[in-house]
């Protein structure tokens, strides 16, 4: 059983899309375009900065201090999976 969720790999696909894998094996791609608002996230609309993400202790983060909690990212992927099943 997983005590806490974390991102174990992240790969930039194109534009604002990143494929993530979590420590429980769940994988998915997120298009961050609609998530990049507010003071810390707006600079990431520059794709050259967006692509400079790193993983630190299972958290997706950027050099400007922006980050997304792994639980939030996991929920985005789970919601996307469920909505694609309900056609």
PDB file of N, CA and C in Angstrom:
ATOM      1  N   UNK A   1       0.844  -1.195   0.000  1.00  0.00           N
ATOM      2  CA  UNK A   1       0.000   0.000   0.000  1.00  0.00           C
ATOM      3  C   UNK A   1       0.886   1.255   0.000  1.00  0.00           C
ATOM      4  N   UNK A   2       0.497   2.230  -0.795  1.00  0.00           N
ATOM      5  CA  UNK A   2       1.236   3.487  -0.911  1.00  0.00           C
ATOM      6  C   UNK A   2       0.758   4.447   0.188  1.00  0.00           C
ATOM      7  N   UNK A   3       1.693   4.956   0.986  1.00  0.00           N
ATOM      8  CA  UNK A   3       1.331   5.902   2.041  1.00  0.00           C
ATOM      9  C   UNK A   3       1.026   7.281   1.484  1.00  0.00           C
ATOM     10  N   UNK A   4       1.801   7.718   0.513  1.00  0.00           N
ATOM     11  CA  UNK A   4       1.571   9.024  -0.099  1.00  0.00           C
ATOM     12  C   UNK A   4       1.941   8.943  -1.561  1.00  0.00           C
ATOM     13  N   UNK A   5       1.257   9.754  -2.338  1.00  0.00           N
ATOM     14  CA  UNK A   5       1.460   9.725  -3.786  1.00  0.00           C
ATOM     15  C   UNK A   5       2.588  10.682  -4.163  1.00  0.00           C
ATOM     16  N   UNK A   6       3.419  10.252  -5.103  1.00  0.00           N
ATOM     17  CA  UNK A   6       4.458  11.144  -5.616  1.00  0.00           C
ATOM     18  C   UNK A   6       4.713  10.823  -7.080  1.00  0.00           C
ATOM     19  N   UNK A   7       5.229  11.815  -7.777  1.00  0.00           N
ATOM     20  CA  UNK A   7       5.574  11.653  -9.186  1.00  0.00           C
ATOM     21  C   UNK A   7       6.965  11.024  -9.245  1.00  0.00           C
ATOM     22  N   UNK A   8       7.100   9.936 -10.013  1.00  0.00           N
ATOM     23  CA  UNK A   8       8.409   9.277 -10.127  1.00  0.00           C
ATOM     24  C   UNK A   8       9.078   9.551 -11.467  1.00  0.00           C
ATOM     25  N   UNK A   9       8.301   9.981 -12.477  1.00  0.00           N
ATOM     26  CA  UNK A   9       8.910  10.391 -13.738  1.00  0.00           C
ATOM     27  C   UNK A   9       8.007  11.393 -14.441  1.00  0.00           C
ATOM     28  N   UNK A  10       8.650  12.304 -15.176  1.00  0.00           N
ATOM     29  CA  UNK A  10       7.929  13.332 -15.912  1.00  0.00           C
ATOM     30  C   UNK A  10       8.666  13.589 -17.218  1.00  0.00           C
ATOM     31  N   UNK A  11       7.924  13.571 -18.323  1.00  0.00           N
ATOM     32  CA  UNK A  11       8.503  13.758 -19.645  1.00  0.00           C
ATOM     33  C   UNK A  11       7.720  14.813 -20.408  1.00  0.00           C
ATOM     34  N   UNK A  12       8.425  15.835 -20.881  1.00  0.00           N
ATOM     35  CA  UNK A  12       7.780  16.868 -21.695  1.00  0.00           C
ATOM     36  C   UNK A  12       7.436  16.264 -23.046  1.00  0.00           C
ATOM     37  N   UNK A  13       6.193  16.452 -23.480  1.00  0.00           N
ATOM     38  CA  UNK A  13       5.728  15.898 -24.754  1.00  0.00           C
ATOM     39  C   UNK A  13       5.761  16.979 -25.831  1.00  0.00           C
ATOM     40  N   UNK A  14       5.019  18.044 -25.618  1.00  0.00           N
ATOM     41  CA  UNK A  14       4.972  19.182 -26.533  1.00  0.00           C
ATOM     42  C   UNK A  14       4.258  20.332 -25.841  1.00  0.00           C
ATOM     43  N   UNK A  15       4.524  21.537 -26.264  1.00  0.00           N
ATOM     44  CA  UNK A  15       3.874  22.728 -25.728  1.00  0.00           C
ATOM     45  C   UNK A  15       3.803  22.656 -24.196  1.00  0.00           C
ATOM     46  N   UNK A  16       2.594  22.523 -23.655  1.00  0.00           N
ATOM     47  CA  UNK A  16       2.405  22.499 -22.202  1.00  0.00           C
ATOM     48  C   UNK A  16       1.963  21.125 -21.709  1.00  0.00           C
ATOM     49  N   UNK A  17       2.301  20.101 -22.455  1.00  0.00           N
ATOM     50  CA  UNK A  17       1.923  18.720 -22.104  1.00  0.00           C
ATOM     51  C   UNK A  17       3.099  17.973 -21.500  1.00  0.00           C
ATOM     52  N   UNK A  18       2.818  17.320 -20.377  1.00  0.00           N
ATOM     53  CA  UNK A  18       3.818  16.503 -19.689  1.00  0.00           C
ATOM     54  C   UNK A  18       3.178  15.162 -19.358  1.00  0.00           C
ATOM     55  N   UNK A  19       3.880  14.081 -19.646  1.00  0.00           N
ATOM     56  CA  UNK A  19       3.445  12.755 -19.232  1.00  0.00           C
ATOM     57  C   UNK A  19       4.068  12.449 -17.885  1.00  0.00           C
ATOM     58  N   UNK A  20       3.221  12.024 -16.948  1.00  0.00           N
ATOM     59  CA  UNK A  20       3.653  11.739 -15.589  1.00  0.00           C
ATOM     60  C   UNK A  20       3.428  10.279 -15.244  1.00  0.00           C
ATOM     61  N   UNK A  21       4.287   9.757 -14.389  1.00  0.00           N
ATOM     62  CA  UNK A  21       4.081   8.440 -13.799  1.00  0.00           C
ATOM     63  C   UNK A  21       4.201   8.594 -12.294  1.00  0.00           C
ATOM     64  N   UNK A  22       3.285   7.939 -11.580  1.00  0.00           N
ATOM     65  CA  UNK A  22       3.248   8.025 -10.129  1.00  0.00           C
ATOM     66  C   UNK A  22       3.772   6.741  -9.492  1.00  0.00           C
ATOM     67  N   UNK A  23       4.070   6.816  -8.211  1.00  0.00           N
ATOM     68  CA  UNK A  23       4.670   5.684  -7.518  1.00  0.00           C
ATOM     69  C   UNK A  23       3.738   4.484  -7.364  1.00  0.00           C
ATOM     70  N   UNK A  24       2.471   4.625  -7.726  1.00  0.00           N
ATOM     71  CA  UNK A  24       1.571   3.469  -7.702  1.00  0.00           C
ATOM     72  C   UNK A  24       1.360   2.893  -9.097  1.00  0.00           C
ATOM     73  N   UNK A  25       2.120   3.417 -10.099  1.00  0.00           N
ATOM     74  CA  UNK A  25       2.032   2.897 -11.458  1.00  0.00           C
ATOM     75  C   UNK A  25       1.081   3.638 -12.376  1.00  0.00           C
ATOM     76  N   UNK A  26       0.269   4.527 -11.855  1.00  0.00           N
ATOM     77  CA  UNK A  26      -0.649   5.303 -12.694  1.00  0.00           C
ATOM     78  C   UNK A  26       0.167   6.232 -13.580  1.00  0.00           C
ATOM     79  N   UNK A  27      -0.222   6.291 -14.874  1.00  0.00           N
ATOM     80  CA  UNK A  27       0.455   7.157 -15.849  1.00  0.00           C
ATOM     81  C   UNK A  27      -0.591   7.965 -16.595  1.00  0.00           C
ATOM     82  N   UNK A  28      -0.190   9.142 -17.038  1.00  0.00           N
ATOM     83  CA  UNK A  28      -1.098   9.954 -17.835  1.00  0.00           C
ATOM     84  C   UNK A  28      -0.422  11.219 -18.298  1.00  0.00           C
ATOM     85  N   UNK A  29      -1.049  11.868 -19.259  1.00  0.00           N
ATOM     86  CA  UNK A  29      -0.534  13.118 -19.804  1.00  0.00           C
ATOM     87  C   UNK A  29      -1.472  14.252 -19.426  1.00  0.00           C
ATOM     88  N   UNK A  30      -0.872  15.348 -18.972  1.00  0.00           N
ATOM     89  CA  UNK A  30      -1.637  16.533 -18.595  1.00  0.00           C
ATOM     90  C   UNK A  30      -1.236  17.683 -19.508  1.00  0.00           C
ATOM     91  N   UNK A  31      -2.240  18.393 -20.015  1.00  0.00           N
ATOM     92  CA  UNK A  31      -2.007  19.639 -20.736  1.00  0.00           C
ATOM     93  C   UNK A  31      -2.196  20.757 -19.710  1.00  0.00           C
ATOM     94  N   UNK A  32      -1.098  21.391 -19.323  1.00  0.00           N
ATOM     95  CA  UNK A  32      -1.101  22.393 -18.264  1.00  0.00           C
ATOM     96  C   UNK A  32      -1.568  23.769 -18.725  1.00  0.00           C
ATOM     97  N   UNK A  33      -1.858  23.945 -19.992  1.00  0.00           N
ATOM     98  CA  UNK A  33      -2.190  25.269 -20.540  1.00  0.00           C
ATOM     99  C   UNK A  33      -3.231  26.005 -19.692  1.00  0.00           C
ATOM    100  N   UNK A  34      -4.282  25.326 -19.278  1.00  0.00           N
ATOM    101  CA  UNK A  34      -5.350  25.976 -18.509  1.00  0.00           C
ATOM    102  C   UNK A  34      -5.049  26.062 -17.012  1.00  0.00           C
ATOM    103  N   UNK A  35      -3.934  25.500 -16.579  1.00  0.00           N
ATOM    104  CA  UNK A  35      -3.553  25.543 -15.167  1.00  0.00           C
ATOM    105  C   UNK A  35      -2.546  26.657 -14.872  1.00  0.00           C
ATOM    106  N   UNK A  36      -2.059  27.306 -15.917  1.00  0.00           N
ATOM    107  CA  UNK A  36      -0.976  28.285 -15.752  1.00  0.00           C
ATOM    108  C   UNK A  36      -1.520  29.703 -15.625  1.00  0.00           C
ATOM    109  N   UNK A  37      -2.084  30.002 -14.473  1.00  0.00           N
ATOM    110  CA  UNK A  37      -2.590  31.331 -14.187  1.00  0.00           C
ATOM    111  C   UNK A  37      -2.170  31.711 -12.772  1.00  0.00           C
ATOM    112  N   UNK A  38      -2.126  32.988 -12.515  1.00  0.00           N
ATOM    113  CA  UNK A  38      -1.665  33.484 -11.223  1.00  0.00           C
ATOM    114  C   UNK A  38      -0.205  33.898 -11.309  1.00  0.00           C
ATOM    115  N   UNK A  39       0.232  34.670 -10.333  1.00  0.00           N
ATOM    116  CA  UNK A  39       1.572  35.269 -10.358  1.00  0.00           C
ATOM    117  C   UNK A  39       2.706  34.277 -10.592  1.00  0.00           C
ATOM    118  N   UNK A  40       2.673  33.142  -9.912  1.00  0.00           N
ATOM    119  CA  UNK A  40       3.805  32.216 -10.019  1.00  0.00           C
ATOM    120  C   UNK A  40       3.729  31.331 -11.265  1.00  0.00           C
ATOM    121  N   UNK A  41       2.524  31.083 -11.782  1.00  0.00           N
ATOM    122  CA  UNK A  41       2.376  30.178 -12.919  1.00  0.00           C
ATOM    123  C   UNK A  41       2.393  30.879 -14.274  1.00  0.00           C
ATOM    124  N   UNK A  42       1.950  32.126 -14.356  1.00  0.00           N
ATOM    125  CA  UNK A  42       1.892  32.846 -15.631  1.00  0.00           C
ATOM    126  C   UNK A  42       3.235  32.871 -16.367  1.00  0.00           C
ATOM    127  N   UNK A  43       4.379  33.043 -15.684  1.00  0.00           N
ATOM    128  CA  UNK A  43       5.652  33.011 -16.421  1.00  0.00           C
ATOM    129  C   UNK A  43       5.902  31.694 -17.164  1.00  0.00           C
ATOM    130  N   UNK A  44       5.238  30.623 -16.720  1.00  0.00           N
ATOM    131  CA  UNK A  44       5.427  29.317 -17.359  1.00  0.00           C
ATOM    132  C   UNK A  44       4.739  29.229 -18.718  1.00  0.00           C
ATOM    133  N   UNK A  45       3.976  30.259 -19.094  1.00  0.00           N
ATOM    134  CA  UNK A  45       3.396  30.293 -20.440  1.00  0.00           C
ATOM    135  C   UNK A  45       4.469  30.483 -21.500  1.00  0.00           C
ATOM    136  N   UNK A  46       5.685  30.791 -21.080  1.00  0.00           N
ATOM    137  CA  UNK A  46       6.854  30.781 -21.958  1.00  0.00           C
ATOM    138  C   UNK A  46       7.338  29.332 -21.988  1.00  0.00           C
ATOM    139  N   UNK A  47       7.137  28.671 -23.117  1.00  0.00           N
ATOM    140  CA  UNK A  47       7.440  27.237 -23.222  1.00  0.00           C
ATOM    141  C   UNK A  47       8.888  26.928 -22.843  1.00  0.00           C
ATOM    142  N   UNK A  48       9.811  27.831 -23.150  1.00  0.00           N
ATOM    143  CA  UNK A  48      11.215  27.567 -22.805  1.00  0.00           C
ATOM    144  C   UNK A  48      11.398  27.471 -21.291  1.00  0.00           C
ATOM    145  N   UNK A  49      10.655  28.241 -20.509  1.00  0.00           N
ATOM    146  CA  UNK A  49      10.705  28.120 -19.046  1.00  0.00           C
ATOM    147  C   UNK A  49       9.901  26.906 -18.584  1.00  0.00           C
ATOM    148  N   UNK A  50       8.750  26.693 -19.202  1.00  0.00           N
ATOM    149  CA  UNK A  50       7.899  25.555 -18.827  1.00  0.00           C
ATOM    150  C   UNK A  50       8.660  24.233 -18.905  1.00  0.00           C
ATOM    151  N   UNK A  51       9.485  24.093 -19.925  1.00  0.00           N
ATOM    152  CA  UNK A  51      10.227  22.843 -20.149  1.00  0.00           C
ATOM    153  C   UNK A  51      11.337  22.612 -19.118  1.00  0.00           C
ATOM    154  N   UNK A  52      11.624  23.598 -18.264  1.00  0.00           N
ATOM    155  CA  UNK A  52      12.717  23.478 -17.295  1.00  0.00           C
ATOM    156  C   UNK A  52      12.265  22.912 -15.947  1.00  0.00           C
ATOM    157  N   UNK A  53      11.192  22.117 -15.944  1.00  0.00           N
ATOM    158  CA  UNK A  53      10.703  21.525 -14.701  1.00  0.00           C
ATOM    159  C   UNK A  53      11.668  20.459 -14.185  1.00  0.00           C
ATOM    160  N   UNK A  54      11.573  20.208 -12.908  1.00  0.00           N
ATOM    161  CA  UNK A  54      12.334  19.131 -12.274  1.00  0.00           C
ATOM    162  C   UNK A  54      11.401  18.379 -11.333  1.00  0.00           C
ATOM    163  N   UNK A  55      11.857  17.233 -10.892  1.00  0.00           N
ATOM    164  CA  UNK A  55      11.156  16.494  -9.843  1.00  0.00           C
ATOM    165  C   UNK A  55      11.992  16.608  -8.576  1.00  0.00           C
ATOM    166  N   UNK A  56      11.365  17.071  -7.529  1.00  0.00           N
ATOM    167  CA  UNK A  56      12.043  17.184  -6.247  1.00  0.00           C
ATOM    168  C   UNK A  56      11.161  16.538  -5.186  1.00  0.00           C
ATOM    169  N   UNK A  57      11.615  15.392  -4.669  1.00  0.00           N
ATOM    170  CA  UNK A  57      10.842  14.648  -3.662  1.00  0.00           C
ATOM    171  C   UNK A  57       9.439  14.318  -4.155  1.00  0.00           C
ATOM    172  N   UNK A  58       9.318  13.998  -5.437  1.00  0.00           N
ATOM    173  CA  UNK A  58       8.042  13.595  -6.007  1.00  0.00           C
ATOM    174  C   UNK A  58       7.124  14.737  -6.396  1.00  0.00           C
ATOM    175  N   UNK A  59       7.642  15.976  -6.359  1.00  0.00           N
ATOM    176  CA  UNK A  59       6.853  17.156  -6.700  1.00  0.00           C
ATOM    177  C   UNK A  59       7.397  17.752  -7.995  1.00  0.00           C
ATOM    178  N   UNK A  60       6.500  18.080  -8.923  1.00  0.00           N
ATOM    179  CA  UNK A  60       6.866  18.729 -10.175  1.00  0.00           C
ATOM    180  C   UNK A  60       7.065  20.214  -9.886  1.00  0.00           C
ATOM    181  N   UNK A  61       8.273  20.740 -10.138  1.00  0.00           N
ATOM    182  CA  UNK A  61       8.546  22.140  -9.797  1.00  0.00           C
ATOM    183  C   UNK A  61       9.400  22.812 -10.862  1.00  0.00           C
ATOM    184  N   UNK A  62       9.415  24.147 -10.817  1.00  0.00           N
ATOM    185  CA  UNK A  62      10.127  24.968 -11.792  1.00  0.00           C
ATOM    186  C   UNK A  62      11.088  25.906 -11.080  1.00  0.00           C
ATOM    187  N   UNK A  63      12.090  26.418 -11.799  1.00  0.00           N
ATOM    188  CA  UNK A  63      13.099  27.301 -11.203  1.00  0.00           C
ATOM    189  C   UNK A  63      12.541  28.597 -10.590  1.00  0.00           C
ATOM    190  N   UNK A  64      11.377  29.049 -11.047  1.00  0.00           N
ATOM    191  CA  UNK A  64      10.799  30.291 -10.519  1.00  0.00           C
ATOM    192  C   UNK A  64      10.013  30.083  -9.227  1.00  0.00           C
ATOM    193  N   UNK A  65       9.996  28.853  -8.709  1.00  0.00           N
ATOM    194  CA  UNK A  65       9.288  28.563  -7.463  1.00  0.00           C
ATOM    195  C   UNK A  65       7.911  27.949  -7.642  1.00  0.00           C
ATOM    196  N   UNK A  66       7.440  27.868  -8.868  1.00  0.00           N
ATOM    197  CA  UNK A  66       6.134  27.247  -9.130  1.00  0.00           C
ATOM    198  C   UNK A  66       6.234  25.745  -8.924  1.00  0.00           C
ATOM    199  N   UNK A  67       5.171  25.146  -8.396  1.00  0.00           N
ATOM    200  CA  UNK A  67       5.103  23.684  -8.304  1.00  0.00           C
ATOM    201  C   UNK A  67       3.648  23.251  -8.231  1.00  0.00           C
ATOM    202  N   UNK A  68       3.440  21.982  -8.525  1.00  0.00           N
ATOM    203  CA  UNK A  68       2.119  21.379  -8.427  1.00  0.00           C
ATOM    204  C   UNK A  68       2.216  20.183  -7.499  1.00  0.00           C
ATOM    205  N   UNK A  69       1.332  20.124  -6.535  1.00  0.00           N
ATOM    206  CA  UNK A  69       1.298  18.996  -5.602  1.00  0.00           C
ATOM    207  C   UNK A  69       0.987  17.719  -6.368  1.00  0.00           C
ATOM    208  N   UNK A  70       1.665  16.626  -6.027  1.00  0.00           N
ATOM    209  CA  UNK A  70       1.402  15.371  -6.736  1.00  0.00           C
ATOM    210  C   UNK A  70      -0.051  14.911  -6.605  1.00  0.00           C
ATOM    211  N   UNK A  71      -0.683  15.201  -5.490  1.00  0.00           N
ATOM    212  CA  UNK A  71      -2.085  14.805  -5.303  1.00  0.00           C
ATOM    213  C   UNK A  71      -2.992  15.522  -6.301  1.00  0.00           C
ATOM    214  N   UNK A  72      -2.708  16.793  -6.561  1.00  0.00           N
ATOM    215  CA  UNK A  72      -3.477  17.568  -7.538  1.00  0.00           C
ATOM    216  C   UNK A  72      -3.299  16.976  -8.939  1.00  0.00           C
ATOM    217  N   UNK A  73      -2.057  16.675  -9.300  1.00  0.00           N
ATOM    218  CA  UNK A  73      -1.768  16.108 -10.621  1.00  0.00           C
ATOM    219  C   UNK A  73      -2.427  14.744 -10.783  1.00  0.00           C
ATOM    220  N   UNK A  74      -2.368  13.940  -9.734  1.00  0.00           N
ATOM    221  CA  UNK A  74      -2.980  12.607  -9.743  1.00  0.00           C
ATOM    222  C   UNK A  74      -4.486  12.732  -9.980  1.00  0.00           C
ATOM    223  N   UNK A  75      -5.097  13.681  -9.279  1.00  0.00           N
ATOM    224  CA  UNK A  75      -6.534  13.898  -9.441  1.00  0.00           C
ATOM    225  C   UNK A  75      -6.874  14.335 -10.863  1.00  0.00           C
ATOM    226  N   UNK A  76      -6.054  15.195 -11.464  1.00  0.00           N
ATOM    227  CA  UNK A  76      -6.292  15.606 -12.856  1.00  0.00           C
ATOM    228  C   UNK A  76      -6.272  14.404 -13.793  1.00  0.00           C
ATOM    229  N   UNK A  77      -5.317  13.514 -13.592  1.00  0.00           N
ATOM    230  CA  UNK A  77      -5.217  12.334 -14.453  1.00  0.00           C
ATOM    231  C   UNK A  77      -6.374  11.379 -14.202  1.00  0.00           C
ATOM    232  N   UNK A  78      -6.732  11.168 -12.947  1.00  0.00           N
ATOM    233  CA  UNK A  78      -7.844  10.274 -12.620  1.00  0.00           C
ATOM    234  C   UNK A  78      -9.164  10.826 -13.170  1.00  0.00           C
ATOM    235  N   UNK A  79      -9.382  12.122 -13.042  1.00  0.00           N
ATOM    236  CA  UNK A  79     -10.601  12.755 -13.557  1.00  0.00           C
ATOM    237  C   UNK A  79     -10.666  12.622 -15.075  1.00  0.00           C
ATOM    238  N   UNK A  80      -9.517  12.845 -15.743  1.00  0.00           N
ATOM    239  CA  UNK A  80      -9.461  12.716 -17.204  1.00  0.00           C
ATOM    240  C   UNK A  80      -9.775  11.280 -17.616  1.00  0.00           C
ATOM    241  N   UNK A  81      -9.238  10.310 -16.888  1.00  0.00           N
ATOM    242  CA  UNK A  81      -9.489   8.894 -17.208  1.00  0.00           C
ATOM    243  C   UNK A  81     -10.956   8.548 -17.053  1.00  0.00           C
ATOM    244  N   UNK A  82     -11.559   9.008 -15.967  1.00  0.00           N
ATOM    245  CA  UNK A  82     -12.975   8.710 -15.723  1.00  0.00           C
ATOM    246  C   UNK A  82     -13.874   9.377 -16.752  1.00  0.00           C
ATOM    247  N   UNK A  83     -13.561  10.618 -17.134  1.00  0.00           N
ATOM    248  CA  UNK A  83     -14.408  11.309 -18.097  1.00  0.00           C
ATOM    249  C   UNK A  83     -14.290  10.705 -19.492  1.00  0.00           C
ATOM    250  N   UNK A  84     -13.144  10.132 -19.812  1.00  0.00           N
ATOM    251  CA  UNK A  84     -12.990   9.495 -21.132  1.00  0.00           C
ATOM    252  C   UNK A  84     -13.711   8.149 -21.172  1.00  0.00           C
ATOM    253  N   UNK A  85     -13.981   7.560 -19.996  1.00  0.00           N
ATOM    254  CA  UNK A  85     -14.719   6.301 -19.943  1.00  0.00           C
ATOM    255  C   UNK A  85     -16.222   6.515 -20.050  1.00  0.00           C
ATOM    256  N   UNK A  86     -16.707   7.678 -19.626  1.00  0.00           N
ATOM    257  CA  UNK A  86     -18.136   7.949 -19.632  1.00  0.00           C
ATOM    258  C   UNK A  86     -18.542   8.657 -20.916  1.00  0.00           C
ATOM    259  N   UNK A  87     -18.581   7.890 -21.992  1.00  0.00           N
ATOM    260  CA  UNK A  87     -18.942   8.451 -23.294  1.00  0.00           C
ATOM    261  C   UNK A  87     -20.390   8.171 -23.587  1.00  0.00           C
TER     262      UNK A  87
END
